[in-house]
Amino acid sequence: MVRLALRRAFEGLVVVLATTLIAFLLFRFVGDPVAQMVGQDTLPAERAALRKQLGLEDSFSAQFLRYLGRIAQGDLGYSLRTGRPVATTISERIPASVELAIGAALLALVIGLMGGIAAAVRPRGAMARVITGFAGLGMAIPSFLVGSVLILVFGVYLGWLPVFGRGETMEWYGWTTGLATAEGRAALVLPAITLALFPAALVTRFLRAELRTILDADYIRTARSLGLPPQTIYWRHALPNALAPMIAIGALQLGALLAFAVVTEAVFQWPGLGSLLLQSIQFADVAVLAAYLPLTALTFLAINLLADIGASAVDPRVRDTRP
């Protein structure tokens, strides 16, 4: 486990450095942030002075090395859009994204496990066909369409749930949460359902395929011939053997929910990292973008490391085959 963690940490450092470099290369051509910061009547000399003050006239290598030096000191720089520290801007958005991602992940896990098991137990039954059909539909429908329909039905027509924002929030040991208030919990429902639809469908289809393969294995036939109850076969013998690949799939989906819930946050005006990413792209806020992408890479690496450790603990064969 220690060797695995050290190797992953070294690989993660290389990936984060490469991601930071790619971010600087890409967003150098996104646009001119000075044009967003000043008015149309600003003189060219004033624009040039502002560009020099921001360090935008320096070479790419000088800007990149200066940014790496600030990161080494714990300084992510200042947002070109708001003038506030990037670390503060990102940290204010993290609670909203984490709560949305965890809520969607739990919902997707429950739906995916129930649907996958039900579809695998009786693969030729009517229920399995309905579940498989809905899973395919869930993977095909874009999230902005799902969110729009949910807003129209539950927000506009029925008026049951709020359709934008986080609602009322509370501070809890420095963490801004909406889960402590009824309005905050209600505001989480629709975006969590929207965000959970695709991973729930993916888990359903993947778990169904895995369980069908396992249920056709020789040891399952032996267990059936010995007269073991179906519940014992499904829950004690089949499902645990499907958990190792499921952990890997779940880790990738959780990382995606945390980092790339851009469309869902835009539809519901959810104040998370996704909406911050959109605003930063529109404004060509290179400082925020250059910090966001390495943070995303670091998030994926950390989740995948935990997934590798979890898969190794669940299935010793995974641990034994690692280099």
C-alpha atoms as a PDB file:
ATOM      1  CA  MET A   1       0.000   0.000   0.000  1.00  0.00           C
ATOM      2  CA  VAL A   2       2.830   2.427   0.857  1.00  0.00           C
ATOM      3  CA  ARG A   3       4.625   1.764  -2.433  1.00  0.00           C
ATOM      4  CA  LEU A   4       1.366   2.243  -4.298  1.00  0.00           C
ATOM      5  CA  ALA A   5       0.722   5.570  -2.562  1.00  0.00           C
ATOM      6  CA  LEU A   6       4.270   6.839  -3.196  1.00  0.00           C
ATOM      7  CA  ARG A   7       4.174   5.839  -6.850  1.00  0.00           C
ATOM      8  CA  ARG A   8       0.789   7.479  -7.319  1.00  0.00           C
ATOM      9  CA  ALA A   9       2.032  10.642  -5.569  1.00  0.00           C
ATOM     10  CA  PHE A  10       5.000  10.927  -7.928  1.00  0.00           C
ATOM     11  CA  GLU A  11       2.822  10.283 -10.968  1.00  0.00           C
ATOM     12  CA  GLY A  12       0.342  12.829  -9.642  1.00  0.00           C
ATOM     13  CA  LEU A  13       3.028  15.500  -9.346  1.00  0.00           C
ATOM     14  CA  VAL A  14       4.040  14.970 -12.972  1.00  0.00           C
ATOM     15  CA  VAL A  15       0.401  15.099 -14.111  1.00  0.00           C
ATOM     16  CA  VAL A  16      -0.328  18.281 -12.158  1.00  0.00           C
ATOM     17  CA  LEU A  17       2.753  20.025 -13.591  1.00  0.00           C
ATOM     18  CA  ALA A  18       1.812  18.936 -17.110  1.00  0.00           C
ATOM     19  CA  THR A  19      -1.782  20.087 -16.597  1.00  0.00           C
ATOM     20  CA  THR A  20      -0.610  23.475 -15.344  1.00  0.00           C
ATOM     21  CA  LEU A  21       1.649  23.880 -18.370  1.00  0.00           C
ATOM     22  CA  ILE A  22      -1.134  22.890 -20.776  1.00  0.00           C
ATOM     23  CA  ALA A  23      -3.534  25.294 -19.045  1.00  0.00           C
ATOM     24  CA  PHE A  24      -1.095  28.177 -19.517  1.00  0.00           C
ATOM     25  CA  LEU A  25      -0.537  27.244 -23.143  1.00  0.00           C
ATOM     26  CA  LEU A  26      -4.264  27.036 -23.895  1.00  0.00           C
ATOM     27  CA  PHE A  27      -5.576  30.013 -21.970  1.00  0.00           C
ATOM     28  CA  ARG A  28      -2.839  32.283 -23.218  1.00  0.00           C
ATOM     29  CA  PHE A  29      -4.928  32.463 -26.416  1.00  0.00           C
ATOM     30  CA  VAL A  30      -8.404  32.570 -24.804  1.00  0.00           C
ATOM     31  CA  GLY A  31      -8.631  36.319 -24.972  1.00  0.00           C
ATOM     32  CA  ASP A  32      -7.295  39.569 -23.623  1.00  0.00           C
ATOM     33  CA  PRO A  33      -8.257  40.032 -19.950  1.00  0.00           C
ATOM     34  CA  VAL A  34      -7.315  43.711 -20.129  1.00  0.00           C
ATOM     35  CA  ALA A  35     -10.108  44.279 -22.648  1.00  0.00           C
ATOM     36  CA  GLN A  36     -12.553  42.908 -20.060  1.00  0.00           C
ATOM     37  CA  MET A  37     -11.168  45.038 -17.241  1.00  0.00           C
ATOM     38  CA  VAL A  38     -11.234  48.467 -18.883  1.00  0.00           C
ATOM     39  CA  GLY A  39     -13.760  50.485 -20.821  1.00  0.00           C
ATOM     40  CA  GLN A  40     -13.824  51.341 -24.495  1.00  0.00           C
ATOM     41  CA  ASP A  41     -12.560  54.862 -23.804  1.00  0.00           C
ATOM     42  CA  THR A  42      -9.345  53.663 -22.134  1.00  0.00           C
ATOM     43  CA  LEU A  43      -6.258  54.999 -23.879  1.00  0.00           C
ATOM     44  CA  PRO A  44      -3.768  52.562 -25.447  1.00  0.00           C
ATOM     45  CA  ALA A  45      -1.062  53.815 -23.079  1.00  0.00           C
ATOM     46  CA  GLU A  46      -3.248  52.995 -20.088  1.00  0.00           C
ATOM     47  CA  ARG A  47      -3.964  49.523 -21.481  1.00  0.00           C
ATOM     48  CA  ALA A  48      -0.245  48.938 -22.011  1.00  0.00           C
ATOM     49  CA  ALA A  49       0.512  50.069 -18.460  1.00  0.00           C
ATOM     50  CA  LEU A  50      -2.112  47.706 -17.065  1.00  0.00           C
ATOM     51  CA  ARG A  51      -0.758  44.808 -19.101  1.00  0.00           C
ATOM     52  CA  LYS A  52       2.732  45.525 -17.779  1.00  0.00           C
ATOM     53  CA  GLN A  53       1.419  45.778 -14.217  1.00  0.00           C
ATOM     54  CA  LEU A  54      -0.274  42.380 -14.561  1.00  0.00           C
ATOM     55  CA  GLY A  55       2.852  40.837 -16.057  1.00  0.00           C
ATOM     56  CA  LEU A  56       1.114  39.996 -19.331  1.00  0.00           C
ATOM     57  CA  GLU A  57       3.934  41.532 -21.389  1.00  0.00           C
ATOM     58  CA  ASP A  58       6.444  39.029 -20.039  1.00  0.00           C
ATOM     59  CA  SER A  59       7.352  35.920 -21.975  1.00  0.00           C
ATOM     60  CA  PHE A  60       5.339  32.751 -21.473  1.00  0.00           C
ATOM     61  CA  SER A  61       8.210  31.011 -19.702  1.00  0.00           C
ATOM     62  CA  ALA A  62       8.640  33.925 -17.298  1.00  0.00           C
ATOM     63  CA  GLN A  63       4.918  33.969 -16.491  1.00  0.00           C
ATOM     64  CA  PHE A  64       4.824  30.198 -15.998  1.00  0.00           C
ATOM     65  CA  LEU A  65       7.891  30.072 -13.774  1.00  0.00           C
ATOM     66  CA  ARG A  66       6.586  32.989 -11.747  1.00  0.00           C
ATOM     67  CA  TYR A  67       3.298  31.166 -11.282  1.00  0.00           C
ATOM     68  CA  LEU A  68       5.051  27.952 -10.169  1.00  0.00           C
ATOM     69  CA  GLY A  69       7.073  29.961  -7.681  1.00  0.00           C
ATOM     70  CA  ARG A  70       3.903  31.443  -6.215  1.00  0.00           C
ATOM     71  CA  ILE A  71       2.307  28.004  -5.980  1.00  0.00           C
ATOM     72  CA  ALA A  72       5.346  26.734  -4.067  1.00  0.00           C
ATOM     73  CA  GLN A  73       4.671  29.516  -1.566  1.00  0.00           C
ATOM     74  CA  GLY A  74       0.957  28.717  -1.368  1.00  0.00           C
ATOM     75  CA  ASP A  75      -0.039  31.723  -3.473  1.00  0.00           C
ATOM     76  CA  LEU A  76      -2.335  31.075  -6.459  1.00  0.00           C
ATOM     77  CA  GLY A  77      -2.352  34.711  -7.507  1.00  0.00           C
ATOM     78  CA  TYR A  78      -5.262  37.094  -7.949  1.00  0.00           C
ATOM     79  CA  SER A  79      -8.301  36.854 -10.159  1.00  0.00           C
ATOM     80  CA  LEU A  80      -8.169  39.216 -13.120  1.00  0.00           C
ATOM     81  CA  ARG A  81     -11.962  39.452 -12.996  1.00  0.00           C
ATOM     82  CA  THR A  82     -12.530  40.285  -9.336  1.00  0.00           C
ATOM     83  CA  GLY A  83      -9.087  41.186  -8.047  1.00  0.00           C
ATOM     84  CA  ARG A  84      -9.537  38.740  -5.148  1.00  0.00           C
ATOM     85  CA  PRO A  85      -7.123  35.914  -4.264  1.00  0.00           C
ATOM     86  CA  VAL A  86      -7.740  32.862  -6.437  1.00  0.00           C
ATOM     87  CA  ALA A  87      -7.431  30.537  -3.443  1.00  0.00           C
ATOM     88  CA  THR A  88     -10.218  32.412  -1.655  1.00  0.00           C
ATOM     89  CA  THR A  89     -12.420  32.451  -4.752  1.00  0.00           C
ATOM     90  CA  ILE A  90     -12.057  28.704  -5.281  1.00  0.00           C
ATOM     91  CA  SER A  91     -12.433  27.803  -1.606  1.00  0.00           C
ATOM     92  CA  GLU A  92     -15.744  29.680  -1.461  1.00  0.00           C
ATOM     93  CA  ARG A  93     -17.106  27.577  -4.330  1.00  0.00           C
ATOM     94  CA  ILE A  94     -15.875  24.176  -3.139  1.00  0.00           C
ATOM     95  CA  PRO A  95     -18.634  23.520  -0.521  1.00  0.00           C
ATOM     96  CA  ALA A  96     -21.411  23.966  -3.091  1.00  0.00           C
ATOM     97  CA  SER A  97     -19.737  21.636  -5.601  1.00  0.00           C
ATOM     98  CA  VAL A  98     -18.879  19.009  -2.982  1.00  0.00           C
ATOM     99  CA  GLU A  99     -22.414  18.868  -1.593  1.00  0.00           C
ATOM    100  CA  LEU A 100     -23.917  18.668  -5.074  1.00  0.00           C
ATOM    101  CA  ALA A 101     -21.455  15.967  -6.168  1.00  0.00           C
ATOM    102  CA  ILE A 102     -21.913  13.848  -3.040  1.00  0.00           C
ATOM    103  CA  GLY A 103     -25.699  14.144  -3.216  1.00  0.00           C
ATOM    104  CA  ALA A 104     -25.696  13.132  -6.886  1.00  0.00           C
ATOM    105  CA  ALA A 105     -23.201  10.308  -6.248  1.00  0.00           C
ATOM    106  CA  LEU A 106     -25.271   8.792  -3.439  1.00  0.00           C
ATOM    107  CA  LEU A 107     -28.417   9.012  -5.522  1.00  0.00           C
ATOM    108  CA  ALA A 108     -26.664   7.473  -8.540  1.00  0.00           C
ATOM    109  CA  LEU A 109     -25.196   4.692  -6.380  1.00  0.00           C
ATOM    110  CA  VAL A 110     -28.549   3.707  -4.888  1.00  0.00           C
ATOM    111  CA  ILE A 111     -30.365   3.784  -8.216  1.00  0.00           C
ATOM    112  CA  GLY A 112     -27.520   2.071 -10.058  1.00  0.00           C
ATOM    113  CA  LEU A 113     -27.152  -0.767  -7.528  1.00  0.00           C
ATOM    114  CA  MET A 114     -30.873  -1.438  -7.342  1.00  0.00           C
ATOM    115  CA  GLY A 115     -31.343  -1.230 -11.107  1.00  0.00           C
ATOM    116  CA  GLY A 116     -28.253  -3.273 -11.971  1.00  0.00           C
ATOM    117  CA  ILE A 117     -29.076  -6.079  -9.555  1.00  0.00           C
ATOM    118  CA  ALA A 118     -32.729  -6.211 -10.603  1.00  0.00           C
ATOM    119  CA  ALA A 119     -31.789  -6.315 -14.291  1.00  0.00           C
ATOM    120  CA  ALA A 120     -29.129  -8.996 -13.758  1.00  0.00           C
ATOM    121  CA  VAL A 121     -31.209 -11.404 -11.672  1.00  0.00           C
ATOM    122  CA  ARG A 122     -33.866 -11.872 -14.347  1.00  0.00           C
ATOM    123  CA  PRO A 123     -32.237 -10.579 -17.553  1.00  0.00           C
ATOM    124  CA  ARG A 124     -35.071 -11.681 -19.843  1.00  0.00           C
ATOM    125  CA  GLY A 125     -37.914 -10.387 -17.704  1.00  0.00           C
ATOM    126  CA  ALA A 126     -40.032  -7.341 -18.392  1.00  0.00           C
ATOM    127  CA  MET A 127     -38.499  -5.440 -15.459  1.00  0.00           C
ATOM    128  CA  ALA A 128     -34.976  -5.963 -16.797  1.00  0.00           C
ATOM    129  CA  ARG A 129     -36.004  -4.659 -20.195  1.00  0.00           C
ATOM    130  CA  VAL A 130     -37.608  -1.578 -18.698  1.00  0.00           C
ATOM    131  CA  ILE A 131     -34.564  -0.882 -16.525  1.00  0.00           C
ATOM    132  CA  THR A 132     -32.164  -1.371 -19.425  1.00  0.00           C
ATOM    133  CA  GLY A 133     -34.252   0.903 -21.611  1.00  0.00           C
ATOM    134  CA  PHE A 134     -34.355   3.665 -19.011  1.00  0.00           C
ATOM    135  CA  ALA A 135     -30.615   3.287 -18.446  1.00  0.00           C
ATOM    136  CA  GLY A 136     -29.951   3.747 -22.144  1.00  0.00           C
ATOM    137  CA  LEU A 137     -32.252   6.750 -22.180  1.00  0.00           C
ATOM    138  CA  GLY A 138     -30.480   8.228 -19.154  1.00  0.00           C
ATOM    139  CA  MET A 139     -27.131   8.008 -20.923  1.00  0.00           C
ATOM    140  CA  ALA A 140     -28.491   9.567 -24.120  1.00  0.00           C
ATOM    141  CA  ILE A 141     -30.458  12.570 -22.815  1.00  0.00           C
ATOM    142  CA  PRO A 142     -28.263  15.653 -22.260  1.00  0.00           C
ATOM    143  CA  SER A 143     -28.239  17.051 -18.748  1.00  0.00           C
ATOM    144  CA  PHE A 144     -29.368  20.527 -19.782  1.00  0.00           C
ATOM    145  CA  LEU A 145     -32.566  19.018 -21.209  1.00  0.00           C
ATOM    146  CA  VAL A 146     -33.175  16.974 -18.047  1.00  0.00           C
ATOM    147  CA  GLY A 147     -32.624  20.039 -15.886  1.00  0.00           C
ATOM    148  CA  SER A 148     -34.923  22.179 -18.010  1.00  0.00           C
ATOM    149  CA  VAL A 149     -37.733  19.606 -17.832  1.00  0.00           C
ATOM    150  CA  LEU A 150     -37.352  19.260 -14.056  1.00  0.00           C
ATOM    151  CA  ILE A 151     -37.454  23.034 -13.650  1.00  0.00           C
ATOM    152  CA  LEU A 152     -40.552  23.283 -15.834  1.00  0.00           C
ATOM    153  CA  VAL A 153     -42.441  20.488 -14.024  1.00  0.00           C
ATOM    154  CA  PHE A 154     -41.407  20.797 -10.377  1.00  0.00           C
ATOM    155  CA  GLY A 155     -40.520  24.470 -10.279  1.00  0.00           C
ATOM    156  CA  VAL A 156     -42.901  26.251 -12.657  1.00  0.00           C
ATOM    157  CA  TYR A 157     -46.001  24.052 -12.916  1.00  0.00           C
ATOM    158  CA  LEU A 158     -46.081  22.399  -9.493  1.00  0.00           C
ATOM    159  CA  GLY A 159     -44.037  24.949  -7.556  1.00  0.00           C
ATOM    160  CA  TRP A 160     -42.709  22.286  -5.196  1.00  0.00           C
ATOM    161  CA  LEU A 161     -38.977  22.987  -5.370  1.00  0.00           C
ATOM    162  CA  PRO A 162     -36.690  25.984  -5.958  1.00  0.00           C
ATOM    163  CA  VAL A 163     -35.044  26.098  -9.348  1.00  0.00           C
ATOM    164  CA  PHE A 164     -31.931  28.219  -8.877  1.00  0.00           C
ATOM    165  CA  GLY A 165     -29.267  28.904  -6.274  1.00  0.00           C
ATOM    166  CA  ARG A 166     -28.414  27.078  -3.048  1.00  0.00           C
ATOM    167  CA  GLY A 167     -31.147  28.576  -0.920  1.00  0.00           C
ATOM    168  CA  GLU A 168     -30.422  29.460   2.687  1.00  0.00           C
ATOM    169  CA  THR A 169     -26.965  28.422   3.891  1.00  0.00           C
ATOM    170  CA  MET A 170     -25.231  28.245   7.247  1.00  0.00           C
ATOM    171  CA  GLU A 171     -21.617  28.397   8.399  1.00  0.00           C
ATOM    172  CA  TRP A 172     -20.430  25.268  10.175  1.00  0.00           C
ATOM    173  CA  TYR A 173     -16.796  25.309  11.302  1.00  0.00           C
ATOM    174  CA  GLY A 174     -15.821  27.363   8.266  1.00  0.00           C
ATOM    175  CA  TRP A 175     -17.872  25.227   5.856  1.00  0.00           C
ATOM    176  CA  THR A 176     -20.813  26.891   4.112  1.00  0.00           C
ATOM    177  CA  THR A 177     -23.573  24.299   3.913  1.00  0.00           C
ATOM    178  CA  GLY A 178     -27.130  24.275   2.711  1.00  0.00           C
ATOM    179  CA  LEU A 179     -27.850  20.858   4.201  1.00  0.00           C
ATOM    180  CA  ALA A 180     -28.557  22.386   7.597  1.00  0.00           C
ATOM    181  CA  THR A 181     -31.622  24.290   6.342  1.00  0.00           C
ATOM    182  CA  ALA A 182     -34.857  23.080   4.772  1.00  0.00           C
ATOM    183  CA  GLU A 183     -34.532  25.599   1.943  1.00  0.00           C
ATOM    184  CA  GLY A 184     -30.977  24.484   1.233  1.00  0.00           C
ATOM    185  CA  ARG A 185     -31.952  20.815   1.116  1.00  0.00           C
ATOM    186  CA  ALA A 186     -34.865  21.588  -1.174  1.00  0.00           C
ATOM    187  CA  ALA A 187     -32.593  23.549  -3.519  1.00  0.00           C
ATOM    188  CA  LEU A 188     -30.269  20.553  -3.793  1.00  0.00           C
ATOM    189  CA  VAL A 189     -32.922  18.096  -5.010  1.00  0.00           C
ATOM    190  CA  LEU A 190     -33.343  19.057  -8.672  1.00  0.00           C
ATOM    191  CA  PRO A 191     -29.664  19.653  -9.538  1.00  0.00           C
ATOM    192  CA  ALA A 192     -28.690  16.427  -7.733  1.00  0.00           C
ATOM    193  CA  ILE A 193     -31.242  14.431  -9.737  1.00  0.00           C
ATOM    194  CA  THR A 194     -30.065  16.049 -12.972  1.00  0.00           C
ATOM    195  CA  LEU A 195     -26.419  15.362 -12.229  1.00  0.00           C
ATOM    196  CA  ALA A 196     -27.090  11.796 -11.029  1.00  0.00           C
ATOM    197  CA  LEU A 197     -28.957  10.620 -14.108  1.00  0.00           C
ATOM    198  CA  PHE A 198     -25.979   9.748 -16.310  1.00  0.00           C
ATOM    199  CA  PRO A 199     -23.815   8.027 -13.641  1.00  0.00           C
ATOM    200  CA  ALA A 200     -26.869   6.112 -12.375  1.00  0.00           C
ATOM    201  CA  ALA A 201     -27.518   4.805 -15.881  1.00  0.00           C
ATOM    202  CA  LEU A 202     -23.835   3.958 -16.329  1.00  0.00           C
ATOM    203  CA  VAL A 203     -23.645   2.083 -13.019  1.00  0.00           C
ATOM    204  CA  THR A 204     -26.846   0.202 -13.850  1.00  0.00           C
ATOM    205  CA  ARG A 205     -25.609  -1.010 -17.211  1.00  0.00           C
ATOM    206  CA  PHE A 206     -22.107  -1.804 -16.010  1.00  0.00           C
ATOM    207  CA  LEU A 207     -23.260  -3.660 -12.900  1.00  0.00           C
ATOM    208  CA  ARG A 208     -25.794  -5.641 -14.925  1.00  0.00           C
ATOM    209  CA  ALA A 209     -23.095  -6.748 -17.364  1.00  0.00           C
ATOM    210  CA  GLU A 210     -20.661  -7.631 -14.569  1.00  0.00           C
ATOM    211  CA  LEU A 211     -23.228  -9.601 -12.599  1.00  0.00           C
ATOM    212  CA  ARG A 212     -24.399 -11.498 -15.676  1.00  0.00           C
ATOM    213  CA  THR A 213     -20.811 -12.598 -16.323  1.00  0.00           C
ATOM    214  CA  ILE A 214     -20.326 -13.607 -12.692  1.00  0.00           C
ATOM    215  CA  LEU A 215     -23.664 -15.430 -12.435  1.00  0.00           C
ATOM    216  CA  ASP A 216     -22.619 -17.626 -15.362  1.00  0.00           C
ATOM    217  CA  ALA A 217     -19.355 -18.614 -13.660  1.00  0.00           C
ATOM    218  CA  ASP A 218     -18.672 -22.187 -12.546  1.00  0.00           C
ATOM    219  CA  TYR A 219     -18.529 -21.403  -8.836  1.00  0.00           C
ATOM    220  CA  ILE A 220     -21.996 -19.821  -8.987  1.00  0.00           C
ATOM    221  CA  ARG A 221     -23.338 -22.950 -10.677  1.00  0.00           C
ATOM    222  CA  THR A 222     -21.717 -24.988  -7.914  1.00  0.00           C
ATOM    223  CA  ALA A 223     -23.337 -22.822  -5.257  1.00  0.00           C
ATOM    224  CA  ARG A 224     -26.718 -23.304  -6.907  1.00  0.00           C
ATOM    225  CA  SER A 225     -26.216 -27.057  -7.130  1.00  0.00           C
ATOM    226  CA  LEU A 226     -25.468 -27.116  -3.397  1.00  0.00           C
ATOM    227  CA  GLY A 227     -28.867 -25.583  -2.749  1.00  0.00           C
ATOM    228  CA  LEU A 228     -27.750 -22.178  -1.457  1.00  0.00           C
ATOM    229  CA  PRO A 229     -30.553 -19.597  -1.299  1.00  0.00           C
ATOM    230  CA  PRO A 230     -30.620 -17.094  -4.191  1.00  0.00           C
ATOM    231  CA  GLN A 231     -30.137 -14.179  -1.783  1.00  0.00           C
ATOM    232  CA  THR A 232     -26.928 -15.749  -0.470  1.00  0.00           C
ATOM    233  CA  ILE A 233     -25.644 -16.341  -3.987  1.00  0.00           C
ATOM    234  CA  TYR A 234     -26.418 -12.801  -5.106  1.00  0.00           C
ATOM    235  CA  TRP A 235     -25.277 -10.841  -2.053  1.00  0.00           C
ATOM    236  CA  ARG A 236     -22.415 -12.957  -0.657  1.00  0.00           C
ATOM    237  CA  HIS A 237     -20.872 -14.482  -3.769  1.00  0.00           C
ATOM    238  CA  ALA A 238     -21.805 -12.511  -6.882  1.00  0.00           C
ATOM    239  CA  LEU A 239     -22.016  -8.882  -5.787  1.00  0.00           C
ATOM    240  CA  PRO A 240     -18.673  -8.714  -3.862  1.00  0.00           C
ATOM    241  CA  ASN A 241     -16.828  -9.950  -6.955  1.00  0.00           C
ATOM    242  CA  ALA A 242     -18.345  -7.121  -8.986  1.00  0.00           C
ATOM    243  CA  LEU A 243     -17.285  -4.453  -6.491  1.00  0.00           C
ATOM    244  CA  ALA A 244     -13.647  -4.077  -7.574  1.00  0.00           C
ATOM    245  CA  PRO A 245     -14.416  -2.808 -11.113  1.00  0.00           C
ATOM    246  CA  MET A 246     -17.406  -0.895  -9.742  1.00  0.00           C
ATOM    247  CA  ILE A 247     -15.116   1.027  -7.370  1.00  0.00           C
ATOM    248  CA  ALA A 248     -12.988   2.157 -10.316  1.00  0.00           C
ATOM    249  CA  ILE A 249     -16.049   3.259 -12.307  1.00  0.00           C
ATOM    250  CA  GLY A 250     -17.505   5.021  -9.269  1.00  0.00           C
ATOM    251  CA  ALA A 251     -14.250   6.871  -8.607  1.00  0.00           C
ATOM    252  CA  LEU A 252     -14.105   8.220 -12.145  1.00  0.00           C
ATOM    253  CA  GLN A 253     -17.729   9.317 -11.974  1.00  0.00           C
ATOM    254  CA  LEU A 254     -17.256  11.032  -8.599  1.00  0.00           C
ATOM    255  CA  GLY A 255     -14.280  12.931  -9.954  1.00  0.00           C
ATOM    256  CA  ALA A 256     -16.324  13.978 -12.964  1.00  0.00           C
ATOM    257  CA  LEU A 257     -19.196  15.100 -10.743  1.00  0.00           C
ATOM    258  CA  LEU A 258     -16.845  17.223  -8.664  1.00  0.00           C
ATOM    259  CA  ALA A 259     -14.946  18.780 -11.528  1.00  0.00           C
ATOM    260  CA  PHE A 260     -17.216  18.937 -14.553  1.00  0.00           C
ATOM    261  CA  ALA A 261     -20.753  19.676 -13.361  1.00  0.00           C
ATOM    262  CA  VAL A 262     -20.598  22.772 -15.544  1.00  0.00           C
ATOM    263  CA  VAL A 263     -23.865  22.348 -17.437  1.00  0.00           C
ATOM    264  CA  THR A 264     -25.919  21.423 -14.380  1.00  0.00           C
ATOM    265  CA  GLU A 265     -24.549  24.335 -12.368  1.00  0.00           C
ATOM    266  CA  ALA A 266     -25.245  26.696 -15.251  1.00  0.00           C
ATOM    267  CA  VAL A 267     -28.852  25.489 -15.634  1.00  0.00           C
ATOM    268  CA  PHE A 268     -29.632  25.821 -11.924  1.00  0.00           C
ATOM    269  CA  GLN A 269     -27.325  28.810 -11.270  1.00  0.00           C
ATOM    270  CA  TRP A 270     -25.567  26.698  -8.670  1.00  0.00           C
ATOM    271  CA  PRO A 271     -22.647  28.690  -7.176  1.00  0.00           C
ATOM    272  CA  GLY A 272     -20.029  25.962  -7.507  1.00  0.00           C
ATOM    273  CA  LEU A 273     -16.771  25.380  -9.333  1.00  0.00           C
ATOM    274  CA  GLY A 274     -18.528  24.700 -12.632  1.00  0.00           C
ATOM    275  CA  SER A 275     -20.131  28.128 -12.777  1.00  0.00           C
ATOM    276  CA  LEU A 276     -16.801  29.656 -11.717  1.00  0.00           C
ATOM    277  CA  LEU A 277     -15.148  27.903 -14.654  1.00  0.00           C
ATOM    278  CA  LEU A 278     -17.687  29.333 -17.108  1.00  0.00           C
ATOM    279  CA  GLN A 279     -17.284  32.848 -15.741  1.00  0.00           C
ATOM    280  CA  SER A 280     -13.505  32.577 -15.890  1.00  0.00           C
ATOM    281  CA  ILE A 281     -13.555  31.373 -19.504  1.00  0.00           C
ATOM    282  CA  GLN A 282     -15.889  34.207 -20.539  1.00  0.00           C
ATOM    283  CA  PHE A 283     -13.613  36.772 -18.868  1.00  0.00           C
ATOM    284  CA  ALA A 284     -10.314  35.111 -19.918  1.00  0.00           C
ATOM    285  CA  ASP A 285      -9.368  34.957 -16.246  1.00  0.00           C
ATOM    286  CA  VAL A 286      -6.146  33.014 -16.763  1.00  0.00           C
ATOM    287  CA  ALA A 287      -5.211  33.021 -13.076  1.00  0.00           C
ATOM    288  CA  VAL A 288      -8.374  31.164 -12.052  1.00  0.00           C
ATOM    289  CA  LEU A 289      -8.280  28.818 -15.035  1.00  0.00           C
ATOM    290  CA  ALA A 290      -4.647  27.922 -14.453  1.00  0.00           C
ATOM    291  CA  ALA A 291      -5.484  27.015 -10.846  1.00  0.00           C
ATOM    292  CA  TYR A 292      -8.738  25.213 -11.654  1.00  0.00           C
ATOM    293  CA  LEU A 293      -7.333  22.620 -14.048  1.00  0.00           C
ATOM    294  CA  PRO A 294      -4.467  21.419 -11.784  1.00  0.00           C
ATOM    295  CA  LEU A 295      -6.958  21.277  -8.919  1.00  0.00           C
ATOM    296  CA  THR A 296      -9.195  19.109 -11.088  1.00  0.00           C
ATOM    297  CA  ALA A 297      -6.300  16.830 -11.967  1.00  0.00           C
ATOM    298  CA  LEU A 298      -5.322  16.591  -8.300  1.00  0.00           C
ATOM    299  CA  THR A 299      -8.899  15.708  -7.376  1.00  0.00           C
ATOM    300  CA  PHE A 300      -9.029  12.897  -9.923  1.00  0.00           C
ATOM    301  CA  LEU A 301      -5.660  11.556  -8.793  1.00  0.00           C
ATOM    302  CA  ALA A 302      -6.636  11.556  -5.121  1.00  0.00           C
ATOM    303  CA  ILE A 303      -9.956   9.821  -5.803  1.00  0.00           C
ATOM    304  CA  ASN A 304      -8.299   7.251  -8.067  1.00  0.00           C
ATOM    305  CA  LEU A 305      -5.680   6.528  -5.403  1.00  0.00           C
ATOM    306  CA  LEU A 306      -8.425   5.875  -2.862  1.00  0.00           C
ATOM    307  CA  ALA A 307     -10.210   3.723  -5.451  1.00  0.00           C
ATOM    308  CA  ASP A 308      -7.049   1.681  -6.066  1.00  0.00           C
ATOM    309  CA  ILE A 309      -6.614   1.109  -2.346  1.00  0.00           C
ATOM    310  CA  GLY A 310     -10.280   0.197  -1.961  1.00  0.00           C
ATOM    311  CA  ALA A 311     -10.200  -2.190  -4.916  1.00  0.00           C
ATOM    312  CA  SER A 312      -7.053  -3.841  -3.543  1.00  0.00           C
ATOM    313  CA  ALA A 313      -8.727  -4.298  -0.173  1.00  0.00           C
ATOM    314  CA  VAL A 314     -11.885  -5.772  -1.726  1.00  0.00           C
ATOM    315  CA  ASP A 315     -10.145  -8.035  -4.253  1.00  0.00           C
ATOM    316  CA  PRO A 316      -6.618  -9.294  -3.423  1.00  0.00           C
ATOM    317  CA  ARG A 317      -6.146 -10.269  -7.074  1.00  0.00           C
ATOM    318  CA  VAL A 318      -6.066  -6.559  -7.988  1.00  0.00           C
ATOM    319  CA  ARG A 319      -3.307  -5.962  -5.458  1.00  0.00           C
ATOM    320  CA  ASP A 320      -1.281  -8.953  -6.651  1.00  0.00           C
ATOM    321  CA  THR A 321      -1.319  -7.890 -10.307  1.00  0.00           C
ATOM    322  CA  ARG A 322      -0.020  -4.368  -9.715  1.00  0.00           C
ATOM    323  CA  PRO A 323       3.607  -3.719 -10.779  1.00  0.00           C
END
